[in-house]
Protein backbone atom coordinates (compact mmCIF):
# COMPACT_ATOMS: atom_id res chain seq x y z
CA MET A 1 -58.48 55.18 192.81
CA ASP A 2 -58.66 55.42 189.01
CA ASP A 3 -58.75 58.68 187.04
CA ILE A 4 -62.55 58.78 186.77
CA ASP A 5 -63.02 58.38 190.52
CA ARG A 6 -60.40 61.05 191.18
CA ILE A 7 -62.02 63.48 188.74
CA GLU A 8 -65.52 62.82 190.07
CA ARG A 9 -64.37 63.59 193.60
CA ARG A 10 -62.46 66.76 192.74
CA LEU A 11 -64.24 68.32 189.76
CA LYS A 12 -66.51 71.24 190.63
CA LEU A 13 -69.49 72.05 188.44
CA HIS A 14 -68.91 75.73 189.15
CA ASP A 15 -65.41 75.55 187.66
CA LEU A 16 -66.75 73.81 184.57
CA ARG A 17 -69.40 76.51 184.20
CA ILE A 18 -66.63 79.15 184.43
CA LEU A 19 -64.65 77.42 181.66
CA ILE A 20 -67.69 77.48 179.38
CA ALA A 21 -68.26 81.17 180.18
CA VAL A 22 -64.63 82.11 179.50
CA VAL A 23 -64.67 80.46 176.08
CA ALA A 24 -68.03 82.04 175.23
CA ALA A 25 -66.75 85.49 176.27
CA GLY A 26 -63.36 85.11 174.61
CA SER A 27 -61.46 86.43 177.63
CA MET A 28 -61.24 86.01 181.38
CA HIS A 29 -61.86 89.73 181.90
CA LYS A 30 -65.18 89.64 180.02
CA ALA A 31 -66.19 86.40 181.70
CA ALA A 32 -65.46 87.92 185.11
CA GLU A 33 -67.74 90.86 184.30
CA ARG A 34 -70.55 88.60 183.11
CA LEU A 35 -70.30 86.30 186.12
CA GLY A 36 -69.78 89.07 188.67
CA MET A 37 -66.46 87.60 189.82
CA SER A 38 -62.90 88.85 190.06
CA GLN A 39 -60.50 87.95 187.26
CA SER A 40 -58.19 86.29 189.78
CA ALA A 41 -61.04 84.00 190.89
CA ILE A 42 -61.69 83.11 187.25
CA SER A 43 -58.00 82.29 186.69
CA ARG A 44 -57.89 80.21 189.87
CA ALA A 45 -60.96 78.21 188.83
CA ILE A 46 -59.46 77.44 185.41
CA ALA A 47 -56.14 76.43 186.97
CA ASP A 48 -57.92 74.12 189.42
CA LEU A 49 -59.89 72.54 186.57
CA GLU A 50 -56.74 72.01 184.49
CA GLN A 51 -55.10 70.33 187.47
CA VAL A 52 -58.07 68.00 187.97
CA ILE A 53 -58.26 67.09 184.28
CA ASP A 54 -54.47 67.01 183.97
CA ALA A 55 -54.53 68.84 180.65
CA ARG A 56 -54.22 72.40 179.38
CA LEU A 57 -57.71 73.63 178.52
CA LEU A 58 -57.10 77.13 177.12
CA ASP A 59 -54.68 78.74 174.70
CA ARG A 60 -53.99 82.41 175.39
CA SER A 61 -52.89 84.86 172.68
CA PRO A 62 -53.06 88.62 171.99
CA LEU A 63 -56.29 87.90 170.06
CA GLY A 64 -58.01 86.34 173.05
CA ILE A 65 -58.62 82.90 174.48
CA GLU A 66 -59.40 79.74 172.54
CA PRO A 67 -60.06 76.26 173.91
CA THR A 68 -57.46 73.60 173.28
CA GLU A 69 -58.53 70.28 171.82
CA SER A 70 -58.92 68.99 175.38
CA GLY A 71 -60.88 72.09 176.30
CA ARG A 72 -63.28 71.64 173.39
CA ALA A 73 -63.88 68.02 174.34
CA LEU A 74 -64.62 68.95 177.95
CA ILE A 75 -66.88 71.87 176.97
CA LYS A 76 -68.87 69.74 174.52
CA ARG A 77 -69.66 67.15 177.18
CA GLY A 78 -70.05 69.83 179.84
CA VAL A 79 -72.74 71.65 177.86
CA ALA A 80 -74.60 68.35 177.46
CA MET A 81 -74.24 67.63 181.18
CA PHE A 82 -75.65 71.01 182.22
CA ASP A 83 -78.46 70.55 179.74
CA GLU A 84 -79.33 67.17 181.24
CA LEU A 85 -79.25 68.73 184.70
CA ARG A 86 -81.63 71.45 183.56
CA GLN A 87 -83.90 68.80 182.08
CA ALA A 88 -83.83 66.84 185.33
CA VAL A 89 -84.85 69.90 187.34
CA GLY A 90 -87.69 70.51 184.89
CA ASP A 91 -88.83 66.88 185.14
CA ILE A 92 -88.84 67.09 188.93
CA LYS A 93 -91.00 70.19 188.80
CA LEU A 94 -93.41 68.40 186.49
CA LEU A 95 -93.83 65.59 189.00
CA SER A 96 -95.38 68.07 191.42
CA ASP A 97 -97.05 70.26 188.77
CA PRO A 98 -97.94 68.52 185.49
CA SER A 99 -99.48 71.74 184.18
CA ALA A 100 -96.02 73.37 183.90
CA GLY A 101 -92.99 72.64 181.76
CA GLU A 102 -90.75 74.14 179.07
CA LEU A 103 -90.01 72.89 175.56
CA ARG A 104 -87.66 74.26 172.90
CA ILE A 105 -88.60 73.37 169.33
CA GLY A 106 -86.77 73.86 166.03
CA CYS A 107 -88.74 73.82 162.76
CA SER A 108 -89.37 75.65 159.50
CA GLU A 109 -91.45 78.82 159.37
CA VAL A 110 -94.19 76.93 157.55
CA MET A 111 -94.32 74.18 160.16
CA ALA A 112 -94.29 76.81 162.92
CA ALA A 113 -97.19 78.70 161.37
CA GLY A 114 -99.23 75.54 160.86
CA PRO A 115 -99.20 72.35 162.97
CA VAL A 116 -96.78 73.59 165.66
CA SER A 117 -98.85 76.72 166.35
CA ALA A 118 -102.02 74.64 166.52
CA VAL A 119 -100.53 72.23 169.05
CA ILE A 120 -99.01 74.98 171.20
CA ASN A 121 -102.32 76.83 171.24
CA ASP A 122 -104.06 73.67 172.38
CA LEU A 123 -101.52 72.76 175.07
CA THR A 124 -101.25 76.27 176.53
CA GLU A 125 -105.02 76.68 176.59
CA GLN A 126 -105.20 73.66 178.84
CA HIS A 127 -102.20 74.64 180.97
CA SER A 128 -101.13 78.28 180.77
CA ARG A 129 -97.90 77.70 182.73
CA ARG A 130 -96.34 75.68 179.93
CA VAL A 131 -93.64 77.60 178.06
CA PHE A 132 -92.60 76.98 174.45
CA HIS A 133 -89.58 78.41 172.62
CA VAL A 134 -89.74 78.02 168.83
CA LEU A 135 -86.63 78.52 166.70
CA THR A 136 -87.21 78.75 162.94
CA GLY A 137 -84.55 78.66 160.28
CA ALA A 138 -82.67 76.59 157.73
CA THR A 139 -82.29 72.88 158.43
CA ALA A 140 -78.54 73.15 159.05
CA THR A 141 -79.09 75.95 161.57
CA LEU A 142 -81.66 73.91 163.48
CA TYR A 143 -79.48 70.81 163.68
CA ARG A 144 -76.55 72.90 164.89
CA ALA A 145 -78.77 74.31 167.66
CA LEU A 146 -79.81 70.76 168.58
CA THR A 147 -76.17 69.66 168.77
CA GLU A 148 -75.44 72.61 171.04
CA ARG A 149 -78.43 71.67 173.23
CA ARG A 150 -80.12 75.04 172.62
CA ILE A 151 -83.29 73.24 171.52
CA ASP A 152 -84.87 69.94 172.56
CA LEU A 153 -86.07 68.61 169.23
CA VAL A 154 -86.15 69.38 165.51
CA ILE A 155 -89.01 68.76 163.12
CA GLY A 156 -87.49 68.43 159.68
CA ARG A 157 -86.05 66.32 156.93
CA VAL A 158 -83.03 64.14 157.66
CA ALA A 159 -79.68 63.81 155.94
CA GLY A 160 -77.42 60.84 156.67
CA ALA A 161 -74.75 62.93 158.38
CA VAL A 162 -77.32 64.38 160.78
CA MET A 163 -77.97 61.00 162.39
CA ASP A 164 -74.33 60.61 163.42
CA GLU A 165 -75.04 62.89 166.39
CA HIS A 166 -78.80 62.66 166.87
CA GLU A 167 -81.63 60.21 167.50
CA ASP A 168 -84.64 59.62 165.26
CA ALA A 169 -87.81 59.85 167.35
CA GLY A 170 -89.91 58.67 164.40
CA GLY A 171 -91.46 59.82 161.16
CA LEU A 172 -94.14 62.48 161.26
CA PHE A 173 -95.47 62.55 157.69
CA GLU A 174 -94.32 62.42 154.09
CA ASP A 175 -94.43 65.60 152.08
CA ALA A 176 -93.08 67.01 148.83
CA VAL A 177 -91.56 70.31 147.80
CA VAL A 178 -93.79 71.66 145.01
CA VAL A 179 -93.84 74.62 142.67
CA ALA A 180 -96.41 77.27 143.58
CA ALA A 181 -97.75 80.50 142.13
CA GLY A 182 -100.39 83.09 142.91
CA ALA A 183 -104.02 82.22 142.28
CA GLN A 184 -104.11 84.56 139.24
CA SER A 185 -100.96 83.17 137.64
CA ARG A 186 -101.46 81.52 134.27
CA TRP A 187 -99.40 78.58 135.51
CA ALA A 188 -101.80 77.89 138.35
CA CYS A 189 -104.70 77.58 135.92
CA LYS A 190 -103.12 75.11 133.50
CA GLY A 191 -103.15 71.36 133.34
CA LYS A 192 -99.93 69.40 133.59
CA VAL A 193 -96.84 71.56 133.09
CA GLU A 194 -93.36 70.43 132.05
CA LEU A 195 -90.40 71.79 133.97
CA GLU A 196 -88.85 73.01 130.74
CA GLU A 197 -91.72 75.49 130.32
CA LEU A 198 -90.79 77.22 133.57
CA ALA A 199 -87.06 77.54 132.97
CA ASN A 200 -87.19 81.18 131.89
CA GLU A 201 -89.96 82.40 134.19
CA PRO A 202 -89.27 84.81 137.08
CA TRP A 203 -88.66 82.87 140.30
CA VAL A 204 -88.33 83.82 143.96
CA LEU A 205 -86.38 81.05 145.66
CA PRO A 206 -84.58 80.22 148.89
CA PRO A 207 -80.75 80.21 148.67
CA PHE A 208 -79.42 77.19 146.80
CA ASP A 209 -77.35 76.14 149.84
CA THR A 210 -80.56 75.48 151.78
CA GLU A 211 -82.47 72.22 151.54
CA MET A 212 -85.38 73.59 149.48
CA GLY A 213 -83.08 75.61 147.24
CA ALA A 214 -80.97 72.51 146.60
CA ILE A 215 -84.08 70.53 145.63
CA VAL A 216 -84.85 73.09 142.90
CA LEU A 217 -81.25 73.12 141.71
CA GLU A 218 -81.01 69.34 141.59
CA GLY A 219 -84.47 69.01 140.04
CA PHE A 220 -83.58 71.17 137.04
CA ARG A 221 -80.23 69.43 136.62
CA ALA A 222 -81.92 66.01 136.74
CA ARG A 223 -83.97 67.09 133.72
CA GLY A 224 -80.82 68.27 131.92
CA LEU A 225 -81.86 71.90 132.38
CA THR A 226 -79.99 74.98 133.53
CA PRO A 227 -81.39 76.21 136.87
CA PRO A 228 -83.78 79.14 136.41
CA PRO A 229 -82.28 82.64 136.32
CA THR A 230 -83.69 83.52 139.74
CA THR A 231 -85.02 87.06 139.99
CA VAL A 232 -85.15 87.09 143.79
CA ILE A 233 -83.30 84.97 146.33
CA ALA A 234 -84.72 85.37 149.83
CA GLY A 235 -84.23 83.49 153.06
CA SER A 236 -87.57 84.78 154.33
CA THR A 237 -90.41 82.34 153.73
CA HIS A 238 -92.99 85.09 154.16
CA MET A 239 -91.31 87.28 151.53
CA ARG A 240 -91.17 84.45 149.01
CA HIS A 241 -94.82 83.59 149.57
CA ALA A 242 -95.93 87.22 149.37
CA LEU A 243 -94.13 87.81 146.06
CA ALA A 244 -95.46 84.58 144.58
CA ALA A 245 -99.00 85.38 145.75
CA ALA A 246 -98.82 88.68 143.86
CA GLY A 247 -98.90 86.63 140.68
CA ARG A 248 -95.67 87.27 138.74
CA PHE A 249 -93.24 84.93 140.47
CA LEU A 250 -92.97 81.20 140.83
CA THR A 251 -91.65 79.70 144.06
CA VAL A 252 -91.40 76.41 145.92
CA VAL A 253 -93.22 75.45 149.11
CA PRO A 254 -93.82 72.31 151.16
CA GLU A 255 -96.95 70.72 149.73
CA PHE A 256 -98.75 70.73 153.08
CA ALA A 257 -98.36 74.53 153.26
CA LEU A 258 -100.99 74.90 150.55
CA ARG A 259 -103.54 73.48 153.00
CA LEU A 260 -102.84 76.19 155.57
CA PRO A 261 -104.79 79.45 155.98
CA GLY A 262 -103.34 82.96 155.80
CA THR A 263 -100.68 83.85 153.22
CA PHE A 264 -100.49 80.24 152.06
CA ALA A 265 -104.13 80.28 150.97
CA ALA A 266 -103.25 82.76 148.20
CA LEU A 267 -100.90 80.24 146.57
CA ARG A 268 -101.76 77.47 144.14
CA HIS A 269 -99.93 74.30 143.24
CA VAL A 270 -98.41 74.42 139.76
CA PRO A 271 -98.83 70.87 138.37
CA VAL A 272 -95.20 70.21 137.49
CA GLU A 273 -92.97 67.47 138.86
CA LEU A 274 -89.74 68.28 140.68
CA PRO A 275 -87.57 65.13 140.67
CA ASN A 276 -86.59 63.72 144.07
CA ALA A 277 -88.63 66.33 145.92
CA ARG A 278 -90.54 64.02 148.27
CA ARG A 279 -89.19 63.68 151.79
CA THR A 280 -90.34 62.34 155.16
CA LEU A 281 -90.49 64.90 157.94
CA ARG A 282 -89.18 63.40 161.14
CA ILE A 283 -88.79 64.32 164.78
CA ILE A 284 -85.13 64.38 165.75
CA THR A 285 -83.72 64.64 169.27
CA ALA A 286 -80.21 64.83 170.69
CA ARG A 287 -78.45 61.51 171.12
CA ASN A 288 -78.50 59.99 174.61
CA ARG A 289 -81.04 62.50 175.80
CA SER A 290 -84.38 61.44 177.24
CA LEU A 291 -87.51 63.34 176.29
CA SER A 292 -89.26 65.41 178.93
CA PRO A 293 -92.91 64.64 179.75
CA LEU A 294 -93.96 67.83 177.95
CA ALA A 295 -91.97 66.82 174.85
CA GLU A 296 -93.75 63.47 174.76
CA VAL A 297 -97.15 65.16 175.11
CA PHE A 298 -96.24 67.63 172.35
CA ILE A 299 -95.09 64.90 169.96
CA ASP A 300 -98.22 62.80 170.51
CA ARG A 301 -100.46 65.81 169.91
CA LEU A 302 -98.46 66.86 166.84
CA ARG A 303 -98.88 63.42 165.25
CA THR A 304 -102.64 63.72 165.67
CA THR A 305 -102.73 67.27 164.32
CA VAL A 306 -100.83 66.59 161.09
CA LEU A 307 -103.25 63.86 160.04
CA SER A 308 -105.80 66.45 158.93
CA LEU A 309 -103.19 68.15 156.74
CA THR A 310 -101.65 65.09 155.21
CA THR A 311 -104.47 62.66 154.50
CA ASP A 312 -104.36 63.44 150.79
CA ALA A 313 -100.56 63.53 150.62
CA THR A 314 -100.06 60.17 152.33
């Protein structure tokens, strides 16, 4: 019997779940409380798992418990395994009840407020037992959640490093990051504007370590300009849009956002070019993970929905 056969016969999913809980809690005592078990049972489960794997999985210190390199490797694959198991149970339920299902989506606030909301509204109107979880945030945050299997797919732009751990489920549409201002702003009423003219204007921008913030930073540098002396830096998309809509600030938005109702309708495209600001939004999934039936339905419906927003842009 080789090592894999031996481990398959002896490894208990419950013990692996306990290991993940201990590392998440930072101590066996806290994990025991969360799991409703005795601390001795927790210790016994970890010892059994270490014996099966034939490696030390945890380092203990006065500061708490940390996984060893072997522990981290086992936890990473274990999280993926439990996620696949959860997906399998969901798929089985769908076979008997196609009106149900659960999908976890990661996207920007703008995408969530526009196409994603429209698709979810449509799909839940048809089948009210479908459940959607939508996580919004910076691109790096979303891809980290995808790696950790906390979401099923990401709708966003792709960097080369991202694809080392994920699969590309296909392009959705091409869009640009553009400069925007309130409808009453003098910049929204002009013809073509040069980037140099905006260098000393008040801006409300996302942090420069985010994708959209970096596009602004790199765009000004590509023109040999110093980045604008930003008046407000805000991670909140709604705050940036509200300040820009008031008329004094300039900001940046995805071009398709200007076709959406609500707060976005109060913004106007400032006709100035940001270098290298056009990107393709793609649907990204975790590597070696099959899509659920609901995910496939959602993606198909999303592709249809974005056509009405992107006809002019594409």
